[in-house]
Amino acid sequence: QVQLVESGGGLVQPGGSLSLSCAASGS
């Protein structure tokens, strides 16, 4: 009924930045 879909992540050097996103869908 419900699914969480994630995006982002990966490899980054110390001091760097990343952004993770998550979207919930369903009833």
mmCIF file of all heavy atoms, coordinates in Angstrom:
data_MODEL
# 
_entry.id   MODEL 
# 
loop_
_atom_site.group_PDB 
_atom_site.id 
_atom_site.type_symbol 
_atom_site.label_atom_id 
_atom_site.label_alt_id 
_atom_site.label_comp_id 
_atom_site.label_asym_id 
_atom_site.label_entity_id 
_atom_site.label_seq_id 
_atom_site.pdbx_PDB_ins_code 
_atom_site.Cartn_x 
_atom_site.Cartn_y 
_atom_site.Cartn_z 
_atom_site.occupancy 
_atom_site.B_iso_or_equiv 
_atom_site.pdbx_formal_charge 
_atom_site.auth_seq_id 
_atom_site.auth_comp_id 
_atom_site.auth_asym_id 
_atom_site.auth_atom_id 
_atom_site.pdbx_PDB_model_num 
ATOM 1   N N   . GLN A 1 1  ? 0.808  -1.216 0.000  1.00 0.00 ? 1  GLN A N   1 
ATOM 2   C CA  . GLN A 1 1  ? 0.000  0.000  0.000  1.00 0.00 ? 1  GLN A CA  1 
ATOM 3   C C   . GLN A 1 1  ? 0.840  1.263  0.000  1.00 0.00 ? 1  GLN A C   1 
ATOM 4   O O   . GLN A 1 1  ? 0.462  2.255  -0.639 1.00 0.00 ? 1  GLN A O   1 
ATOM 5   C CB  . GLN A 1 1  ? -0.915 -0.001 1.221  1.00 0.00 ? 1  GLN A CB  1 
ATOM 6   C CG  . GLN A 1 1  ? -1.999 -1.046 1.183  1.00 0.00 ? 1  GLN A CG  1 
ATOM 7   C CD  . GLN A 1 1  ? -3.057 -0.724 0.159  1.00 0.00 ? 1  GLN A CD  1 
ATOM 8   O OE1 . GLN A 1 1  ? -3.325 0.440  -0.128 1.00 0.00 ? 1  GLN A OE1 1 
ATOM 9   N NE2 . GLN A 1 1  ? -3.656 -1.765 -0.413 1.00 0.00 ? 1  GLN A NE2 1 
ATOM 10  N N   . VAL A 1 2  ? 1.953  1.245  0.718  1.00 0.00 ? 2  VAL A N   1 
ATOM 11  C CA  . VAL A 1 2  ? 2.820  2.407  0.840  1.00 0.00 ? 2  VAL A CA  1 
ATOM 12  C C   . VAL A 1 2  ? 4.238  2.004  0.476  1.00 0.00 ? 2  VAL A C   1 
ATOM 13  O O   . VAL A 1 2  ? 4.713  0.936  0.860  1.00 0.00 ? 2  VAL A O   1 
ATOM 14  C CB  . VAL A 1 2  ? 2.776  2.996  2.257  1.00 0.00 ? 2  VAL A CB  1 
ATOM 15  C CG1 . VAL A 1 2  ? 3.793  4.126  2.398  1.00 0.00 ? 2  VAL A CG1 1 
ATOM 16  C CG2 . VAL A 1 2  ? 1.385  3.502  2.577  1.00 0.00 ? 2  VAL A CG2 1 
ATOM 17  N N   . GLN A 1 3  ? 4.895  2.889  -0.242 1.00 0.00 ? 3  GLN A N   1 
ATOM 18  C CA  . GLN A 1 3  ? 6.274  2.668  -0.644 1.00 0.00 ? 3  GLN A CA  1 
ATOM 19  C C   . GLN A 1 3  ? 7.084  3.926  -0.395 1.00 0.00 ? 3  GLN A C   1 
ATOM 20  O O   . GLN A 1 3  ? 6.609  5.039  -0.645 1.00 0.00 ? 3  GLN A O   1 
ATOM 21  C CB  . GLN A 1 3  ? 6.360  2.279  -2.118 1.00 0.00 ? 3  GLN A CB  1 
ATOM 22  C CG  . GLN A 1 3  ? 7.767  1.947  -2.600 1.00 0.00 ? 3  GLN A CG  1 
ATOM 23  C CD  . GLN A 1 3  ? 7.802  1.510  -4.048 1.00 0.00 ? 3  GLN A CD  1 
ATOM 24  O OE1 . GLN A 1 3  ? 6.780  1.464  -4.722 1.00 0.00 ? 3  GLN A OE1 1 
ATOM 25  N NE2 . GLN A 1 3  ? 8.983  1.182  -4.541 1.00 0.00 ? 3  GLN A NE2 1 
ATOM 26  N N   . LEU A 1 4  ? 8.305  3.741  0.107  1.00 0.00 ? 4  LEU A N   1 
ATOM 27  C CA  . LEU A 1 4  ? 9.245  4.831  0.277  1.00 0.00 ? 4  LEU A CA  1 
ATOM 28  C C   . LEU A 1 4  ? 10.347 4.681  -0.758 1.00 0.00 ? 4  LEU A C   1 
ATOM 29  O O   . LEU A 1 4  ? 11.010 3.647  -0.817 1.00 0.00 ? 4  LEU A O   1 
ATOM 30  C CB  . LEU A 1 4  ? 9.852  4.830  1.679  1.00 0.00 ? 4  LEU A CB  1 
ATOM 31  C CG  . LEU A 1 4  ? 8.885  4.900  2.864  1.00 0.00 ? 4  LEU A CG  1 
ATOM 32  C CD1 . LEU A 1 4  ? 9.664  4.933  4.176  1.00 0.00 ? 4  LEU A CD1 1 
ATOM 33  C CD2 . LEU A 1 4  ? 7.988  6.114  2.758  1.00 0.00 ? 4  LEU A CD2 1 
ATOM 34  N N   . VAL A 1 5  ? 10.533 5.708  -1.561 1.00 0.00 ? 5  VAL A N   1 
ATOM 35  C CA  . VAL A 1 5  ? 11.533 5.690  -2.613 1.00 0.00 ? 5  VAL A CA  1 
ATOM 36  C C   . VAL A 1 5  ? 12.616 6.697  -2.274 1.00 0.00 ? 5  VAL A C   1 
ATOM 37  O O   . VAL A 1 5  ? 12.333 7.888  -2.114 1.00 0.00 ? 5  VAL A O   1 
ATOM 38  C CB  . VAL A 1 5  ? 10.911 5.998  -3.986 1.00 0.00 ? 5  VAL A CB  1 
ATOM 39  C CG1 . VAL A 1 5  ? 11.993 5.991  -5.061 1.00 0.00 ? 5  VAL A CG1 1 
ATOM 40  C CG2 . VAL A 1 5  ? 9.836  4.982  -4.321 1.00 0.00 ? 5  VAL A CG2 1 
ATOM 41  N N   . GLU A 1 6  ? 13.848 6.221  -2.181 1.00 0.00 ? 6  GLU A N   1 
ATOM 42  C CA  . GLU A 1 6  ? 14.980 7.040  -1.799 1.00 0.00 ? 6  GLU A CA  1 
ATOM 43  C C   . GLU A 1 6  ? 15.823 7.381  -3.014 1.00 0.00 ? 6  GLU A C   1 
ATOM 44  O O   . GLU A 1 6  ? 15.918 6.608  -3.973 1.00 0.00 ? 6  GLU A O   1 
ATOM 45  C CB  . GLU A 1 6  ? 15.848 6.312  -0.772 1.00 0.00 ? 6  GLU A CB  1 
ATOM 46  C CG  . GLU A 1 6  ? 15.104 5.923  0.492  1.00 0.00 ? 6  GLU A CG  1 
ATOM 47  C CD  . GLU A 1 6  ? 15.819 4.837  1.265  1.00 0.00 ? 6  GLU A CD  1 
ATOM 48  O OE1 . GLU A 1 6  ? 16.524 4.019  0.638  1.00 0.00 ? 6  GLU A OE1 1 
ATOM 49  O OE2 . GLU A 1 6  ? 15.679 4.800  2.505  1.00 0.00 ? 6  GLU A OE2 1 
ATOM 50  N N   . SER A 1 7  ? 16.473 8.528  -2.944 1.00 0.00 ? 7  SER A N   1 
ATOM 51  C CA  . SER A 1 7  ? 17.420 8.929  -3.967 1.00 0.00 ? 7  SER A CA  1 
ATOM 52  C C   . SER A 1 7  ? 18.550 9.708  -3.310 1.00 0.00 ? 7  SER A C   1 
ATOM 53  O O   . SER A 1 7  ? 18.400 10.243 -2.211 1.00 0.00 ? 7  SER A O   1 
ATOM 54  C CB  . SER A 1 7  ? 16.749 9.770  -5.058 1.00 0.00 ? 7  SER A CB  1 
ATOM 55  O OG  . SER A 1 7  ? 16.233 10.976 -4.532 1.00 0.00 ? 7  SER A OG  1 
ATOM 56  N N   . GLY A 1 8  ? 19.664 9.779  -4.002 1.00 0.00 ? 8  GLY A N   1 
ATOM 57  C CA  . GLY A 1 8  ? 20.838 10.432 -3.474 1.00 0.00 ? 8  GLY A CA  1 
ATOM 58  C C   . GLY A 1 8  ? 21.856 9.405  -3.026 1.00 0.00 ? 8  GLY A C   1 
ATOM 59  O O   . GLY A 1 8  ? 21.847 8.248  -3.441 1.00 0.00 ? 8  GLY A O   1 
ATOM 60  N N   . GLY A 1 9  ? 22.729 9.825  -2.165 1.00 0.00 ? 9  GLY A N   1 
ATOM 61  C CA  . GLY A 1 9  ? 23.800 8.962  -1.718 1.00 0.00 ? 9  GLY A CA  1 
ATOM 62  C C   . GLY A 1 9  ? 24.934 8.928  -2.722 1.00 0.00 ? 9  GLY A C   1 
ATOM 63  O O   . GLY A 1 9  ? 24.867 9.505  -3.807 1.00 0.00 ? 9  GLY A O   1 
ATOM 64  N N   . GLY A 1 10 ? 25.993 8.240  -2.341 1.00 0.00 ? 10 GLY A N   1 
ATOM 65  C CA  . GLY A 1 10 ? 27.146 8.122  -3.204 1.00 0.00 ? 10 GLY A CA  1 
ATOM 66  C C   . GLY A 1 10 ? 28.437 8.320  -2.442 1.00 0.00 ? 10 GLY A C   1 
ATOM 67  O O   . GLY A 1 10 ? 28.488 8.212  -1.217 1.00 0.00 ? 10 GLY A O   1 
ATOM 68  N N   . LEU A 1 11 ? 29.483 8.619  -3.187 1.00 0.00 ? 11 LEU A N   1 
ATOM 69  C CA  . LEU A 1 11 ? 30.820 8.810  -2.632 1.00 0.00 ? 11 LEU A CA  1 
ATOM 70  C C   . LEU A 1 11 ? 31.156 10.291 -2.605 1.00 0.00 ? 11 LEU A C   1 
ATOM 71  O O   . LEU A 1 11 ? 30.980 10.998 -3.609 1.00 0.00 ? 11 LEU A O   1 
ATOM 72  C CB  . LEU A 1 11 ? 31.853 8.053  -3.464 1.00 0.00 ? 11 LEU A CB  1 
ATOM 73  C CG  . LEU A 1 11 ? 33.324 8.244  -3.097 1.00 0.00 ? 11 LEU A CG  1 
ATOM 74  C CD1 . LEU A 1 11 ? 33.605 7.689  -1.704 1.00 0.00 ? 11 LEU A CD1 1 
ATOM 75  C CD2 . LEU A 1 11 ? 34.217 7.581  -4.130 1.00 0.00 ? 11 LEU A CD2 1 
ATOM 76  N N   . VAL A 1 12 ? 31.650 10.750 -1.467 1.00 0.00 ? 12 VAL A N   1 
ATOM 77  C CA  . VAL A 1 12 ? 32.019 12.145 -1.315 1.00 0.00 ? 12 VAL A CA  1 
ATOM 78  C C   . VAL A 1 12 ? 33.258 12.235 -0.434 1.00 0.00 ? 12 VAL A C   1 
ATOM 79  O O   . VAL A 1 12 ? 33.484 11.389 0.431  1.00 0.00 ? 12 VAL A O   1 
ATOM 80  C CB  . VAL A 1 12 ? 30.849 12.967 -0.719 1.00 0.00 ? 12 VAL A CB  1 
ATOM 81  C CG1 . VAL A 1 12 ? 30.555 12.524 0.710  1.00 0.00 ? 12 VAL A CG1 1 
ATOM 82  C CG2 . VAL A 1 12 ? 31.141 14.457 -0.773 1.00 0.00 ? 12 VAL A CG2 1 
ATOM 83  N N   . GLN A 1 13 ? 34.072 13.255 -0.660 1.00 0.00 ? 13 GLN A N   1 
ATOM 84  C CA  . GLN A 1 13 ? 35.260 13.464 0.152  1.00 0.00 ? 13 GLN A CA  1 
ATOM 85  C C   . GLN A 1 13 ? 34.905 14.121 1.481  1.00 0.00 ? 13 GLN A C   1 
ATOM 86  O O   . GLN A 1 13 ? 33.877 14.790 1.599  1.00 0.00 ? 13 GLN A O   1 
ATOM 87  C CB  . GLN A 1 13 ? 36.269 14.334 -0.600 1.00 0.00 ? 13 GLN A CB  1 
ATOM 88  C CG  . GLN A 1 13 ? 36.827 13.685 -1.853 1.00 0.00 ? 13 GLN A CG  1 
ATOM 89  C CD  . GLN A 1 13 ? 37.919 14.517 -2.498 1.00 0.00 ? 13 GLN A CD  1 
ATOM 90  O OE1 . GLN A 1 13 ? 38.386 15.504 -1.930 1.00 0.00 ? 13 GLN A OE1 1 
ATOM 91  N NE2 . GLN A 1 13 ? 38.344 14.116 -3.679 1.00 0.00 ? 13 GLN A NE2 1 
ATOM 92  N N   . PRO A 1 14 ? 35.730 13.919 2.503  1.00 0.00 ? 14 PRO A N   1 
ATOM 93  C CA  . PRO A 1 14 ? 35.481 14.598 3.774  1.00 0.00 ? 14 PRO A CA  1 
ATOM 94  C C   . PRO A 1 14 ? 35.340 16.102 3.595  1.00 0.00 ? 14 PRO A C   1 
ATOM 95  O O   . PRO A 1 14 ? 36.094 16.722 2.843  1.00 0.00 ? 14 PRO A O   1 
ATOM 96  C CB  . PRO A 1 14 ? 36.717 14.251 4.605  1.00 0.00 ? 14 PRO A CB  1 
ATOM 97  C CG  . PRO A 1 14 ? 37.182 12.950 4.042  1.00 0.00 ? 14 PRO A CG  1 
ATOM 98  C CD  . PRO A 1 14 ? 36.901 13.033 2.559  1.00 0.00 ? 14 PRO A CD  1 
ATOM 99  N N   . GLY A 1 15 ? 34.354 16.670 4.274  1.00 0.00 ? 15 GLY A N   1 
ATOM 100 C CA  . GLY A 1 15 ? 34.053 18.079 4.141  1.00 0.00 ? 15 GLY A CA  1 
ATOM 101 C C   . GLY A 1 15 ? 33.050 18.397 3.054  1.00 0.00 ? 15 GLY A C   1 
ATOM 102 O O   . GLY A 1 15 ? 32.570 19.540 2.973  1.00 0.00 ? 15 GLY A O   1 
ATOM 103 N N   . GLY A 1 16 ? 32.718 17.422 2.247  1.00 0.00 ? 16 GLY A N   1 
ATOM 104 C CA  . GLY A 1 16 ? 31.775 17.623 1.173  1.00 0.00 ? 16 GLY A CA  1 
ATOM 105 C C   . GLY A 1 16 ? 30.334 17.510 1.629  1.00 0.00 ? 16 GLY A C   1 
ATOM 106 O O   . GLY A 1 16 ? 30.039 17.360 2.815  1.00 0.00 ? 16 GLY A O   1 
ATOM 107 N N   . SER A 1 17 ? 29.437 17.554 0.655  1.00 0.00 ? 17 SER A N   1 
ATOM 108 C CA  . SER A 1 17 ? 28.006 17.558 0.939  1.00 0.00 ? 17 SER A CA  1 
ATOM 109 C C   . SER A 1 17 ? 27.276 16.562 0.062  1.00 0.00 ? 17 SER A C   1 
ATOM 110 O O   . SER A 1 17 ? 27.689 16.275 -1.063 1.00 0.00 ? 17 SER A O   1 
ATOM 111 C CB  . SER A 1 17 ? 27.408 18.948 0.711  1.00 0.00 ? 17 SER A CB  1 
ATOM 112 O OG  . SER A 1 17 ? 27.991 19.917 1.558  1.00 0.00 ? 17 SER A OG  1 
ATOM 113 N N   . LEU A 1 18 ? 26.187 16.045 0.594  1.00 0.00 ? 18 LEU A N   1 
ATOM 114 C CA  . LEU A 1 18 ? 25.266 15.197 -0.139 1.00 0.00 ? 18 LEU A CA  1 
ATOM 115 C C   . LEU A 1 18 ? 23.852 15.512 0.319  1.00 0.00 ? 18 LEU A C   1 
ATOM 116 O O   . LEU A 1 18 ? 23.642 15.966 1.447  1.00 0.00 ? 18 LEU A O   1 
ATOM 117 C CB  . LEU A 1 18 ? 25.545 13.707 0.081  1.00 0.00 ? 18 LEU A CB  1 
ATOM 118 C CG  . LEU A 1 18 ? 26.721 13.067 -0.654 1.00 0.00 ? 18 LEU A CG  1 
ATOM 119 C CD1 . LEU A 1 18 ? 26.902 11.629 -0.178 1.00 0.00 ? 18 LEU A CD1 1 
ATOM 120 C CD2 . LEU A 1 18 ? 26.506 13.098 -2.158 1.00 0.00 ? 18 LEU A CD2 1 
ATOM 121 N N   . SER A 1 19 ? 22.906 15.244 -0.553 1.00 0.00 ? 19 SER A N   1 
ATOM 122 C CA  . SER A 1 19 ? 21.507 15.429 -0.232 1.00 0.00 ? 19 SER A CA  1 
ATOM 123 C C   . SER A 1 19 ? 20.748 14.135 -0.510 1.00 0.00 ? 19 SER A C   1 
ATOM 124 O O   . SER A 1 19 ? 20.839 13.582 -1.605 1.00 0.00 ? 19 SER A O   1 
ATOM 125 C CB  . SER A 1 19 ? 20.909 16.579 -1.048 1.00 0.00 ? 19 SER A CB  1 
ATOM 126 O OG  . SER A 1 19 ? 19.546 16.782 -0.731 1.00 0.00 ? 19 SER A OG  1 
ATOM 127 N N   . LEU A 1 20 ? 20.015 13.663 0.481  1.00 0.00 ? 20 LEU A N   1 
ATOM 128 C CA  . LEU A 1 20 ? 19.196 12.468 0.353  1.00 0.00 ? 20 LEU A CA  1 
ATOM 129 C C   . LEU A 1 20 ? 17.729 12.867 0.324  1.00 0.00 ? 20 LEU A C   1 
ATOM 130 O O   . LEU A 1 20 ? 17.294 13.708 1.114  1.00 0.00 ? 20 LEU A O   1 
ATOM 131 C CB  . LEU A 1 20 ? 19.438 11.505 1.517  1.00 0.00 ? 20 LEU A CB  1 
ATOM 132 C CG  . LEU A 1 20 ? 20.877 11.076 1.787  1.00 0.00 ? 20 LEU A CG  1 
ATOM 133 C CD1 . LEU A 1 20 ? 20.917 10.111 2.973  1.00 0.00 ? 20 LEU A CD1 1 
ATOM 134 C CD2 . LEU A 1 20 ? 21.491 10.437 0.559  1.00 0.00 ? 20 LEU A CD2 1 
ATOM 135 N N   . SER A 1 21 ? 16.984 12.238 -0.567 1.00 0.00 ? 21 SER A N   1 
ATOM 136 C CA  . SER A 1 21 ? 15.563 12.513 -0.690 1.00 0.00 ? 21 SER A CA  1 
ATOM 137 C C   . SER A 1 21 ? 14.769 11.232 -0.530 1.00 0.00 ? 21 SER A C   1 
ATOM 138 O O   . SER A 1 21 ? 15.225 10.147 -0.897 1.00 0.00 ? 21 SER A O   1 
ATOM 139 C CB  . SER A 1 21 ? 15.241 13.149 -2.050 1.00 0.00 ? 21 SER A CB  1 
ATOM 140 O OG  . SER A 1 21 ? 15.899 14.385 -2.207 1.00 0.00 ? 21 SER A OG  1 
ATOM 141 N N   . CYS A 1 22 ? 13.567 11.374 -0.007 1.00 0.00 ? 22 CYS A N   1 
ATOM 142 C CA  . CYS A 1 22 ? 12.678 10.237 0.176  1.00 0.00 ? 22 CYS A CA  1 
ATOM 143 C C   . CYS A 1 22 ? 11.256 10.692 -0.094 1.00 0.00 ? 22 CYS A C   1 
ATOM 144 O O   . CYS A 1 22 ? 10.824 11.728 0.426  1.00 0.00 ? 22 CYS A O   1 
ATOM 145 C CB  . CYS A 1 22 ? 12.807 9.670  1.587  1.00 0.00 ? 22 CYS A CB  1 
ATOM 146 S SG  . CYS A 1 22 ? 11.691 8.293  1.950  1.00 0.00 ? 22 CYS A SG  1 
ATOM 147 N N   . ALA A 1 23 ? 10.533 9.906  -0.874 1.00 0.00 ? 23 ALA A N   1 
ATOM 148 C CA  . ALA A 1 23 ? 9.149  10.207 -1.194 1.00 0.00 ? 23 ALA A CA  1 
ATOM 149 C C   . ALA A 1 23 ? 8.259  9.031  -0.826 1.00 0.00 ? 23 ALA A C   1 
ATOM 150 O O   . ALA A 1 23 ? 8.550  7.885  -1.185 1.00 0.00 ? 23 ALA A O   1 
ATOM 151 C CB  . ALA A 1 23 ? 9.001  10.533 -2.677 1.00 0.00 ? 23 ALA A CB  1 
ATOM 152 N N   . ALA A 1 24 ? 7.198  9.311  -0.099 1.00 0.00 ? 24 ALA A N   1 
ATOM 153 C CA  . ALA A 1 24 ? 6.219  8.300  0.271  1.00 0.00 ? 24 ALA A CA  1 
ATOM 154 C C   . ALA A 1 24 ? 5.030  8.373  -0.671 1.00 0.00 ? 24 ALA A C   1 
ATOM 155 O O   . ALA A 1 24 ? 4.524  9.460  -0.966 1.00 0.00 ? 24 ALA A O   1 
ATOM 156 C CB  . ALA A 1 24 ? 5.761  8.491  1.710  1.00 0.00 ? 24 ALA A CB  1 
ATOM 157 N N   . SER A 1 25 ? 4.585  7.223  -1.132 1.00 0.00 ? 25 SER A N   1 
ATOM 158 C CA  . SER A 1 25 ? 3.441  7.173  -2.028 1.00 0.00 ? 25 SER A CA  1 
ATOM 159 C C   . SER A 1 25 ? 2.561  5.984  -1.673 1.00 0.00 ? 25 SER A C   1 
ATOM 160 O O   . SER A 1 25 ? 3.026  5.005  -1.088 1.00 0.00 ? 25 SER A O   1 
ATOM 161 C CB  . SER A 1 25 ? 3.885  7.084  -3.489 1.00 0.00 ? 25 SER A CB  1 
ATOM 162 O OG  . SER A 1 25 ? 4.633  5.904  -3.727 1.00 0.00 ? 25 SER A OG  1 
ATOM 163 N N   . GLY A 1 26 ? 1.306  6.062  -2.057 1.00 0.00 ? 26 GLY A N   1 
ATOM 164 C CA  . GLY A 1 26 ? 0.356  5.003  -1.787 1.00 0.00 ? 26 GLY A CA  1 
ATOM 165 C C   . GLY A 1 26 ? -0.917 5.543  -1.178 1.00 0.00 ? 26 GLY A C   1 
ATOM 166 O O   . GLY A 1 26 ? -1.249 6.718  -1.318 1.00 0.00 ? 26 GLY A O   1 
ATOM 167 N N   . SER A 1 27 ? -1.633 4.664  -0.490 1.00 0.00 ? 27 SER A N   1 
ATOM 168 C CA  . SER A 1 27 ? -2.909 5.029  0.124  1.00 0.00 ? 27 SER A CA  1 
ATOM 169 C C   . SER A 1 27 ? -2.675 5.682  1.473  1.00 0.00 ? 27 SER A C   1 
ATOM 170 O O   . SER A 1 27 ? -2.957 5.114  2.534  1.00 0.00 ? 27 SER A O   1 
ATOM 171 C CB  . SER A 1 27 ? -3.793 3.791  0.254  1.00 0.00 ? 27 SER A CB  1 
ATOM 172 O OG  . SER A 1 27 ? -4.029 3.180  -1.001 1.00 0.00 ? 27 SER A OG  1 
# 
